[in-house]
């Protein structure tokens, strides 16, 4: 049996880590993990690791030429929305130019490219969105991701785009927080927090996103797919559900609106995704937000033991 060879970019990131974990458990997959710099995963069995800087076309060509993947799942990107607004040149290099380099290599070596994108390509006036709705970004990050999508869709390689929304989960180094851990920690310390009620999302568990990406890669399903959570919630509702789950003091959570925060980049108010296509074509079925909280609670305990 020839195994399908899947290469992951950005394997040190949250999604990258979850993908390596998921793929190394599949008997019919050969996993190739890549990131810029050293491998930060705590285990080294079951996959090969190569340093690959996505802004360096020679390095990309070298690694892809050597490893000969069937599919690339491209997760590496600059995703800090405010940082993108302030470091536009760097953002463009990582989010757009890098995709040009990957497309060129995919064409040369006949590789299927699965590109990760975001709800931030939309202006947030009409969510939840379907795959064919018209993008209209309100931030530089959104524009960079939309530009990358256009490169992919107008290329002559085989491709898929997996769009996602507000990804949460626990990475191995635990350095990145997320809304659940932040709310839990704040309330446990008795801190009052302000959380917005005027933004709507379908928050995505990192494990669900990895599963959706794998389903696309396995089938080499072409086209655009929404891969997110299924609950349409405001950050305030997410915070209250987190407090409820852990039995913490909800009165410390104050509702506010986005105008209370000054951030360099605009956020789309109402995004979130319709998952009909992913359910029908891929058989994708995500956890509920409450199940996501339970899973994170379990993971946080094993991390601290």
Protein backbone atom coordinates (compact mmCIF):
# COMPACT_ATOMS: atom_id res chain seq x y z
CA UNK A 1 0.00 0.00 0.00
CA UNK A 2 1.47 3.36 -0.94
CA UNK A 3 0.99 5.82 1.84
CA UNK A 4 -0.25 9.34 1.13
CA UNK A 5 2.52 11.83 1.96
CA UNK A 6 1.26 15.01 3.64
CA UNK A 7 3.53 17.97 4.37
CA UNK A 8 2.49 20.56 6.97
CA UNK A 9 3.86 24.12 7.04
CA UNK A 10 3.87 25.90 10.39
CA UNK A 11 4.06 22.66 12.39
CA UNK A 12 5.15 24.58 15.53
CA UNK A 13 1.88 26.52 15.62
CA UNK A 14 -1.31 25.44 17.40
CA UNK A 15 -2.99 23.97 14.29
CA UNK A 16 0.31 22.55 13.02
CA UNK A 17 0.85 20.69 16.30
CA UNK A 18 -2.69 19.24 16.27
CA UNK A 19 -2.24 18.14 12.65
CA UNK A 20 1.05 16.35 13.35
CA UNK A 21 -0.60 14.56 16.31
CA UNK A 22 -3.61 13.57 14.21
CA UNK A 23 -1.68 12.47 11.10
CA UNK A 24 0.96 10.42 12.93
CA UNK A 25 -1.93 8.29 14.25
CA UNK A 26 -3.07 7.41 10.69
CA UNK A 27 -1.48 4.17 9.41
CA UNK A 28 -1.84 5.15 5.73
CA UNK A 29 -0.22 8.61 6.01
CA UNK A 30 3.44 9.64 5.91
CA UNK A 31 3.75 12.92 7.82
CA UNK A 32 6.30 15.61 7.02
CA UNK A 33 6.39 18.49 9.52
CA UNK A 34 8.04 21.80 8.59
CA UNK A 35 8.49 25.15 10.30
CA UNK A 36 11.04 27.94 10.36
CA UNK A 37 13.60 27.16 13.06
CA UNK A 38 13.84 24.15 15.33
CA UNK A 39 11.09 21.57 15.89
CA UNK A 40 9.13 22.52 19.03
CA UNK A 41 6.98 19.39 19.24
CA UNK A 42 7.57 17.33 22.40
CA UNK A 43 7.65 14.03 20.49
CA UNK A 44 9.73 13.05 17.46
CA UNK A 45 8.33 9.61 16.52
CA UNK A 46 6.11 8.89 13.55
CA UNK A 47 7.02 11.84 11.29
CA UNK A 48 10.00 13.56 9.70
CA UNK A 49 10.89 17.18 10.43
CA UNK A 50 12.51 19.70 8.09
CA UNK A 51 13.28 23.35 8.72
CA UNK A 52 11.52 25.36 6.01
CA UNK A 53 11.20 29.13 5.89
CA UNK A 54 8.10 29.85 3.76
CA UNK A 55 9.57 33.20 2.66
CA UNK A 56 12.58 31.44 1.08
CA UNK A 57 11.70 29.97 -2.35
CA UNK A 58 14.97 28.00 -2.59
CA UNK A 59 14.38 26.32 0.75
CA UNK A 60 10.77 25.50 -0.20
CA UNK A 61 11.92 23.98 -3.50
CA UNK A 62 14.64 22.00 -1.76
CA UNK A 63 12.34 20.52 0.92
CA UNK A 64 9.45 19.75 -1.45
CA UNK A 65 11.84 18.30 -4.05
CA UNK A 66 13.40 16.05 -1.40
CA UNK A 67 10.25 14.93 0.45
CA UNK A 68 7.90 14.66 -2.56
CA UNK A 69 4.57 15.17 -0.73
CA UNK A 70 1.20 14.41 -2.36
CA UNK A 71 -0.48 17.19 -0.36
CA UNK A 72 0.73 20.33 1.43
CA UNK A 73 -1.43 21.71 4.25
CA UNK A 74 -0.30 25.33 4.50
CA UNK A 75 -0.97 26.58 8.04
CA UNK A 76 1.98 28.99 8.47
CA UNK A 77 0.98 32.69 8.44
CA UNK A 78 1.15 35.94 10.35
CA UNK A 79 -2.20 35.85 12.16
CA UNK A 80 -1.91 38.62 14.77
CA UNK A 81 -4.42 41.06 13.28
CA UNK A 82 -3.00 44.18 14.95
CA UNK A 83 0.60 43.23 14.18
CA UNK A 84 -0.36 42.83 10.50
CA UNK A 85 -1.85 46.33 10.54
CA UNK A 86 1.41 47.77 11.88
CA UNK A 87 3.91 45.58 9.99
CA UNK A 88 2.28 45.52 6.56
CA UNK A 89 5.39 44.61 4.60
CA UNK A 90 6.23 41.65 6.82
CA UNK A 91 2.57 40.53 6.82
CA UNK A 92 2.47 40.59 3.00
CA UNK A 93 5.74 38.63 2.77
CA UNK A 94 4.45 35.88 5.08
CA UNK A 95 0.81 35.76 4.01
CA UNK A 96 0.95 36.47 0.27
CA UNK A 97 4.44 36.20 -1.26
CA UNK A 98 5.04 32.90 0.57
CA UNK A 99 1.91 31.49 -1.08
CA UNK A 100 3.32 32.42 -4.51
CA UNK A 101 6.47 30.41 -3.70
CA UNK A 102 4.41 27.42 -2.54
CA UNK A 103 2.21 27.50 -5.64
CA UNK A 104 5.33 27.51 -7.86
CA UNK A 105 6.70 24.43 -6.07
CA UNK A 106 3.33 22.67 -6.10
CA UNK A 107 3.16 23.22 -9.86
CA UNK A 108 6.72 21.94 -10.38
CA UNK A 109 6.25 18.78 -8.29
CA UNK A 110 2.51 18.23 -8.93
CA UNK A 111 1.40 18.67 -5.31
CA UNK A 112 -2.17 19.33 -4.09
CA UNK A 113 -2.18 22.57 -2.03
CA UNK A 114 -4.57 23.01 0.87
CA UNK A 115 -4.42 26.64 2.01
CA UNK A 116 -5.73 27.91 5.37
CA UNK A 117 -7.81 31.08 5.33
CA UNK A 118 -10.04 33.06 7.65
CA UNK A 119 -13.43 34.66 8.30
CA UNK A 120 -11.56 38.01 8.36
CA UNK A 121 -11.79 38.14 4.54
CA UNK A 122 -15.42 39.24 5.17
CA UNK A 123 -16.65 42.63 6.43
CA UNK A 124 -18.92 41.05 9.03
CA UNK A 125 -22.18 42.65 7.92
CA UNK A 126 -23.90 39.41 6.92
CA UNK A 127 -22.60 36.40 8.89
CA UNK A 128 -22.80 33.44 9.20
CA UNK A 129 -21.17 33.13 5.76
CA UNK A 130 -21.29 30.49 3.05
CA UNK A 131 -18.32 29.57 0.86
CA UNK A 132 -19.51 31.56 -2.15
CA UNK A 133 -20.27 34.83 -0.32
CA UNK A 134 -18.30 37.86 -1.55
CA UNK A 135 -15.20 38.81 0.49
CA UNK A 136 -14.69 42.42 1.58
CA UNK A 137 -11.94 42.67 4.23
CA UNK A 138 -11.84 45.49 6.80
CA UNK A 139 -8.23 44.95 8.00
CA UNK A 140 -4.82 44.54 6.36
CA UNK A 141 -4.67 40.99 7.72
CA UNK A 142 -7.99 40.28 5.99
CA UNK A 143 -6.70 41.78 2.73
CA UNK A 144 -3.50 39.71 2.88
CA UNK A 145 -5.48 36.48 3.37
CA UNK A 146 -7.91 37.41 0.59
CA UNK A 147 -5.00 38.19 -1.76
CA UNK A 148 -3.51 34.76 -0.98
CA UNK A 149 -6.86 33.10 -1.71
CA UNK A 150 -6.97 34.83 -5.11
CA UNK A 151 -3.47 33.54 -5.91
CA UNK A 152 -4.58 30.00 -5.06
CA UNK A 153 -7.92 30.10 -6.91
CA UNK A 154 -6.39 31.59 -10.08
CA UNK A 155 -3.44 29.14 -10.12
CA UNK A 156 -3.34 26.10 -12.37
CA UNK A 157 -2.52 23.63 -9.60
CA UNK A 158 -5.01 21.41 -7.74
CA UNK A 159 -6.11 23.25 -4.62
CA UNK A 160 -8.45 23.58 -1.67
CA UNK A 161 -9.02 26.46 0.73
CA UNK A 162 -10.03 25.73 4.33
CA UNK A 163 -11.49 28.84 5.98
CA UNK A 164 -11.80 28.98 9.74
CA UNK A 165 -12.94 31.22 12.62
CA UNK A 166 -11.46 32.12 16.04
CA UNK A 167 -9.40 28.99 16.72
CA UNK A 168 -8.91 27.98 20.35
CA UNK A 169 -6.95 25.13 21.91
CA UNK A 170 -3.92 24.25 23.99
CA UNK A 171 -0.49 24.13 22.37
CA UNK A 172 2.41 22.16 23.84
CA UNK A 173 4.38 25.17 25.05
CA UNK A 174 1.21 26.67 26.63
CA UNK A 175 2.51 30.17 25.82
CA UNK A 176 -0.58 31.22 23.86
CA UNK A 177 -3.74 31.83 25.78
CA UNK A 178 -7.27 31.64 24.43
CA UNK A 179 -10.65 32.95 25.55
CA UNK A 180 -11.44 29.90 27.72
CA UNK A 181 -8.12 29.86 29.62
CA UNK A 182 -8.14 33.67 29.95
CA UNK A 183 -11.66 33.74 31.44
CA UNK A 184 -10.92 30.81 33.77
CA UNK A 185 -7.67 32.35 35.04
CA UNK A 186 -9.16 35.85 35.48
CA UNK A 187 -12.21 34.64 37.40
CA UNK A 188 -10.17 32.25 39.57
CA UNK A 189 -8.02 35.25 40.54
CA UNK A 190 -11.16 37.28 41.28
CA UNK A 191 -10.47 39.75 38.47
CA UNK A 192 -13.35 41.58 36.80
CA UNK A 193 -13.28 41.30 33.00
CA UNK A 194 -15.02 43.18 30.20
CA UNK A 195 -16.15 41.07 27.25
CA UNK A 196 -17.80 42.23 24.03
CA UNK A 197 -21.39 41.44 23.09
CA UNK A 198 -21.34 42.99 19.60
CA UNK A 199 -19.10 40.50 17.81
CA UNK A 200 -20.42 37.13 16.61
CA UNK A 201 -18.26 34.12 15.72
CA UNK A 202 -18.39 30.32 15.37
CA UNK A 203 -15.35 29.54 17.59
CA UNK A 204 -13.31 26.58 16.36
CA UNK A 205 -11.64 23.91 18.48
CA UNK A 206 -8.10 23.35 17.12
CA UNK A 207 -8.70 19.56 17.06
CA UNK A 208 -11.82 20.07 14.91
CA UNK A 209 -9.90 22.29 12.48
CA UNK A 210 -7.15 19.65 12.21
CA UNK A 211 -9.80 17.00 11.52
CA UNK A 212 -11.43 19.15 8.81
CA UNK A 213 -8.04 19.82 7.18
CA UNK A 214 -7.28 16.10 7.24
CA UNK A 215 -10.63 15.22 5.63
CA UNK A 216 -9.86 17.63 2.76
CA UNK A 217 -6.28 16.33 2.36
CA UNK A 218 -7.33 12.67 2.47
CA UNK A 219 -9.90 13.13 -0.31
CA UNK A 220 -7.93 15.86 -2.08
CA UNK A 221 -11.31 17.58 -2.18
CA UNK A 222 -11.04 20.64 -4.41
CA UNK A 223 -12.67 24.00 -3.73
CA UNK A 224 -13.40 26.21 -0.72
CA UNK A 225 -14.59 24.72 2.59
CA UNK A 226 -15.81 26.35 5.81
CA UNK A 227 -14.19 24.53 8.74
CA UNK A 228 -15.30 26.06 12.05
CA UNK A 229 -17.29 25.36 15.19
CA UNK A 230 -21.08 25.12 14.94
CA UNK A 231 -22.19 27.41 17.80
CA UNK A 232 -22.84 31.05 16.79
CA UNK A 233 -21.73 33.03 19.87
CA UNK A 234 -20.50 36.39 21.13
CA UNK A 235 -17.28 36.47 23.19
CA UNK A 236 -19.50 37.47 26.15
CA UNK A 237 -21.57 34.28 25.73
CA UNK A 238 -18.35 32.25 25.45
CA UNK A 239 -17.11 33.80 28.70
CA UNK A 240 -20.39 33.06 30.54
CA UNK A 241 -20.38 29.44 29.29
CA UNK A 242 -16.79 29.07 30.51
CA UNK A 243 -17.69 30.47 33.95
CA UNK A 244 -20.69 28.11 34.12
CA UNK A 245 -18.59 25.09 33.19
CA UNK A 246 -15.95 25.74 35.85
CA UNK A 247 -18.46 26.98 38.47
CA UNK A 248 -16.86 30.45 38.63
CA UNK A 249 -18.32 33.83 39.56
CA UNK A 250 -20.23 35.17 36.53
CA UNK A 251 -20.89 38.56 38.11
CA UNK A 252 -17.21 39.42 37.42
CA UNK A 253 -17.98 39.39 33.69
CA UNK A 254 -19.21 42.76 32.38
CA UNK A 255 -20.72 43.06 28.92
CA UNK A 256 -19.25 45.82 26.78
CA UNK A 257 -18.96 46.64 23.08
CA UNK A 258 -16.02 46.79 20.70
CA UNK A 259 -15.86 50.61 20.86
CA UNK A 260 -14.53 50.25 24.44
CA UNK A 261 -11.27 48.86 23.07
CA UNK A 262 -8.77 50.73 20.97
CA UNK A 263 -7.08 48.32 18.57
CA UNK A 264 -5.01 49.21 15.49
CA UNK A 265 -7.05 46.90 13.22
CA UNK A 266 -10.80 46.83 12.63
CA UNK A 267 -12.66 43.58 13.33
CA UNK A 268 -15.63 42.35 11.31
CA UNK A 269 -18.60 42.42 13.73
CA UNK A 270 -20.59 39.41 12.62
CA UNK A 271 -18.88 36.49 10.89
CA UNK A 272 -19.19 32.79 11.67
CA UNK A 273 -19.77 30.06 9.11
CA UNK A 274 -22.47 27.93 7.57
CA UNK A 275 -21.10 24.35 7.56
CA UNK A 276 -23.54 22.65 5.17
CA UNK A 277 -21.00 22.06 2.40
CA UNK A 278 -18.30 20.64 4.71
CA UNK A 279 -20.82 18.35 6.37
CA UNK A 280 -22.16 17.07 3.05
CA UNK A 281 -18.94 16.77 1.06
CA UNK A 282 -16.39 15.92 3.77
CA UNK A 283 -18.49 14.41 6.56
CA UNK A 284 -17.14 17.14 8.88
CA UNK A 285 -18.88 17.37 12.29
CA UNK A 286 -17.35 19.65 14.95
CA UNK A 287 -17.75 19.61 18.73
CA UNK A 288 -20.09 22.04 20.48
CA UNK A 289 -18.43 24.94 22.31
CA UNK A 290 -19.30 23.32 25.64
CA UNK A 291 -17.60 20.07 24.56
CA UNK A 292 -14.61 22.18 23.52
CA UNK A 293 -14.41 23.71 27.02
CA UNK A 294 -14.52 20.21 28.55
CA UNK A 295 -11.72 19.01 26.27
CA UNK A 296 -9.53 22.01 27.13
CA UNK A 297 -10.21 21.53 30.83
CA UNK A 298 -9.00 17.94 30.54
CA UNK A 299 -5.90 18.94 28.55
CA UNK A 300 -5.02 21.76 30.96
CA UNK A 301 -5.08 19.27 33.86
CA UNK A 302 -2.76 16.81 32.10
CA UNK A 303 -0.42 19.69 31.15
CA UNK A 304 -0.09 20.87 34.75
CA UNK A 305 0.20 17.45 36.42
